[in-house]
Each structure stands twice: as structure tokens, then as C-alpha cells.
């Protein structure tokens, strides 16, 4: 009888360890964020200025694009703002929560060629980014972008 219990416990332990080892590995943020993103909602400070689903005080955000490519280890970015200005450069993720666009040409106003965002949330179809510095083009506000991957 003791032998049966020991065999049962060993079998349950083996099954548990096997099941724990079969969990799907989560890809790094730098792989998950490397997509073409468009604006779903945008806030200048605490004011919603654009909503894809509703009315907008800044309708130009319908043309906003953030395209993060990661091919052959080269991370390139194309960033199109609400007014149609387009910038190209490179990008990287620092830590788990910071997206850095750097070497942007032409340099966005007051940026020195670098724009940094906090990544508030990220899933396969949506990312929420908050710009770390005020945007001179939007009246010096800290902007929050909820972007979707169409």
C-alpha cells in the first residue's frame, strides 16, 4: 500500500513539474513593440484632444504614425506627428518601461533629436505611451498616446 502512495505522489510531482515547464515564454518588450502604431486616443495633459471613435479637437492625429522596425538587429523608427511632420531615426527600449527615439532627423522642435516615452501598458494590439518631456508643438503639455496596431 505504501508503495502505491509513493508511486502516486511521484507521478503527481512529475506531472506538476512538466506542466510548470510548459508555460509559454513571453517575448521581450523590444520584440512586442516593434510594429506600426496609429493613434486611438491622445491626451494633451489631462484633456482628450483626439479619439478615433469620437469627436476631436485635433483631427490631425488621424495621420499620427509610430513605426518601430527591428530587422536584422537594426532598430529604425519613422515618427509622424499630428501636423504631418515626419522624423526618422533609431529606437530602443531601456529597462521595461522606457521607449527612446533617438537620432531623429530632422530634429523635432526642442528635442535635440531624442524623444522619450514611458510605456504604461503593452499588449499585442495596443500600447499606451506617455511622453517624458513637454511637447512645444502642443503648448508645452505632457502627452499620453494610446496607440493601436491595425
Protein backbone atom coordinates (compact mmCIF):
# COMPACT_ATOMS: atom_id res chain seq x y z
CA UNK A 1 0.00 0.00 0.00
CA UNK A 2 2.84 2.40 0.88
CA UNK A 3 4.44 1.63 -2.47
CA UNK A 4 1.24 2.69 -4.29
CA UNK A 5 1.10 6.03 -2.48
CA UNK A 6 4.76 6.71 -3.20
CA UNK A 7 4.26 5.92 -6.87
CA UNK A 8 1.15 8.14 -6.97
CA UNK A 9 2.99 11.07 -5.33
CA UNK A 10 5.99 10.70 -7.63
CA UNK A 11 3.69 10.65 -10.67
CA UNK A 12 1.83 13.78 -9.47
CA UNK A 13 5.11 15.56 -8.78
CA UNK A 14 6.44 14.69 -12.25
CA UNK A 15 3.23 15.90 -13.92
CA UNK A 16 3.30 19.15 -11.94
CA UNK A 17 6.92 19.84 -12.88
CA UNK A 18 6.18 19.02 -16.51
CA UNK A 19 3.17 21.36 -16.60
CA UNK A 20 5.18 24.18 -14.96
CA UNK A 21 7.92 23.81 -17.57
CA UNK A 22 5.48 24.06 -20.49
CA UNK A 23 4.48 27.68 -19.86
CA UNK A 24 4.77 29.91 -22.91
CA UNK A 25 7.70 32.30 -22.71
CA UNK A 26 6.80 35.98 -23.06
CA UNK A 27 8.75 37.80 -25.77
CA UNK A 28 10.83 40.80 -24.69
CA UNK A 29 9.19 44.23 -24.91
CA UNK A 30 11.55 45.24 -27.73
CA UNK A 31 10.08 42.44 -29.88
CA UNK A 32 6.46 43.02 -28.85
CA UNK A 33 6.51 46.78 -29.50
CA UNK A 34 8.19 46.55 -32.93
CA UNK A 35 5.10 47.31 -35.05
CA UNK A 36 3.33 50.10 -36.89
CA UNK A 37 1.10 52.01 -34.46
CA UNK A 38 -1.67 54.57 -35.07
CA UNK A 39 -3.43 56.89 -32.64
CA UNK A 40 -6.55 55.61 -30.92
CA UNK A 41 -6.76 58.37 -28.29
CA UNK A 42 -4.44 61.24 -27.42
CA UNK A 43 -4.37 63.46 -24.33
CA UNK A 44 -2.58 66.80 -24.08
CA UNK A 45 -2.12 66.95 -20.33
CA UNK A 46 -5.42 65.68 -18.94
CA UNK A 47 -7.51 66.82 -21.94
CA UNK A 48 -8.52 64.30 -24.60
CA UNK A 49 -7.81 66.02 -27.92
CA UNK A 50 -8.25 63.04 -30.23
CA UNK A 51 -10.40 59.94 -30.21
CA UNK A 52 -10.63 57.64 -33.18
CA UNK A 53 -14.11 56.68 -32.01
CA UNK A 54 -15.43 60.18 -31.34
CA UNK A 55 -15.01 63.88 -31.85
CA UNK A 56 -11.60 65.50 -31.80
CA UNK A 57 -10.24 68.99 -31.26
CA UNK A 58 -7.03 67.97 -33.08
CA UNK A 59 -8.21 65.83 -36.01
CA UNK A 60 -4.66 65.72 -37.42
CA UNK A 61 -3.96 62.80 -35.10
CA UNK A 62 -5.75 60.58 -37.62
CA UNK A 63 -2.45 60.75 -39.53
CA UNK A 64 -0.24 60.07 -36.49
CA UNK A 65 2.07 57.06 -37.02
CA UNK A 66 4.80 55.43 -34.97
CA UNK A 67 6.50 52.67 -36.93
CA UNK A 68 9.10 50.71 -34.99
CA UNK A 69 11.08 48.27 -37.16
CA UNK A 70 13.52 45.69 -35.86
CA UNK A 71 15.04 43.83 -38.78
CA UNK A 72 18.44 42.16 -38.64
CA UNK A 73 19.17 43.79 -35.29
CA UNK A 74 18.74 47.32 -36.68
CA UNK A 75 16.00 49.25 -34.90
CA UNK A 76 14.66 52.04 -37.11
CA UNK A 77 11.76 54.38 -36.42
CA UNK A 78 9.51 56.55 -38.54
CA UNK A 79 7.52 59.00 -36.42
CA UNK A 80 4.77 61.14 -37.97
CA UNK A 81 3.23 63.79 -35.73
CA UNK A 82 -0.31 65.20 -35.83
CA UNK A 83 0.74 68.09 -38.08
CA UNK A 84 2.26 65.79 -40.72
CA UNK A 85 5.92 66.32 -39.76
CA UNK A 86 7.81 63.04 -40.22
CA UNK A 87 11.05 62.08 -38.50
CA UNK A 88 13.33 59.07 -38.91
CA UNK A 89 15.97 57.63 -36.63
CA UNK A 90 16.58 54.70 -34.33
CA UNK A 91 14.82 53.43 -31.23
CA UNK A 92 15.46 51.31 -28.18
CA UNK A 93 13.72 50.13 -25.03
CA UNK A 94 15.51 50.89 -21.77
CA UNK A 95 14.56 48.70 -18.86
CA UNK A 96 10.98 47.51 -19.14
CA UNK A 97 9.22 50.86 -19.29
CA UNK A 98 11.10 53.41 -21.40
CA UNK A 99 10.94 53.83 -25.19
CA UNK A 100 13.62 56.12 -26.62
CA UNK A 101 13.51 57.53 -30.16
CA UNK A 102 16.96 58.92 -30.97
CA UNK A 103 18.97 60.41 -33.80
CA UNK A 104 15.72 61.79 -35.23
CA UNK A 105 16.11 63.76 -38.43
CA UNK A 106 15.11 66.39 -38.89
CA UNK A 107 15.21 67.11 -35.17
CA UNK A 108 11.73 67.66 -33.68
CA UNK A 109 11.38 71.13 -32.14
CA UNK A 110 13.20 71.38 -28.80
CA UNK A 111 14.12 67.68 -28.69
CA UNK A 112 17.81 67.59 -29.59
CA UNK A 113 16.85 64.64 -31.79
CA UNK A 114 15.63 62.46 -28.90
CA UNK A 115 12.10 61.83 -27.63
CA UNK A 116 11.45 59.54 -24.65
CA UNK A 117 8.24 57.84 -23.57
CA UNK A 118 7.13 55.79 -20.60
CA UNK A 119 5.45 52.54 -21.66
CA UNK A 120 2.42 52.33 -19.36
CA UNK A 121 0.94 49.19 -20.90
CA UNK A 122 1.56 46.94 -23.87
CA UNK A 123 -0.29 44.05 -25.46
CA UNK A 124 -0.39 42.67 -28.99
CA UNK A 125 -2.88 45.25 -30.26
CA UNK A 126 -2.43 48.32 -28.02
CA UNK A 127 0.29 50.35 -26.31
CA UNK A 128 -0.02 53.36 -24.01
CA UNK A 129 2.89 55.80 -24.14
CA UNK A 130 3.43 58.97 -22.12
CA UNK A 131 5.97 61.47 -23.37
CA UNK A 132 8.54 62.25 -20.68
CA UNK A 133 9.16 65.85 -21.76
CA UNK A 134 6.71 68.57 -22.69
CA UNK A 135 5.92 68.99 -26.36
CA UNK A 136 6.49 72.55 -27.64
CA UNK A 137 4.11 71.87 -30.56
CA UNK A 138 1.18 71.19 -28.23
CA UNK A 139 1.66 74.16 -25.92
CA UNK A 140 4.14 72.56 -23.54
CA UNK A 141 1.93 69.67 -22.44
CA UNK A 142 2.95 66.17 -21.41
CA UNK A 143 1.07 63.97 -23.88
CA UNK A 144 -0.34 60.48 -23.49
CA UNK A 145 -0.87 58.33 -26.58
CA UNK A 146 -3.00 55.22 -26.71
CA UNK A 147 -1.90 53.55 -29.94
CA UNK A 148 -3.31 50.56 -31.74
CA UNK A 149 -1.83 48.16 -34.25
CA UNK A 150 -4.34 47.99 -37.12
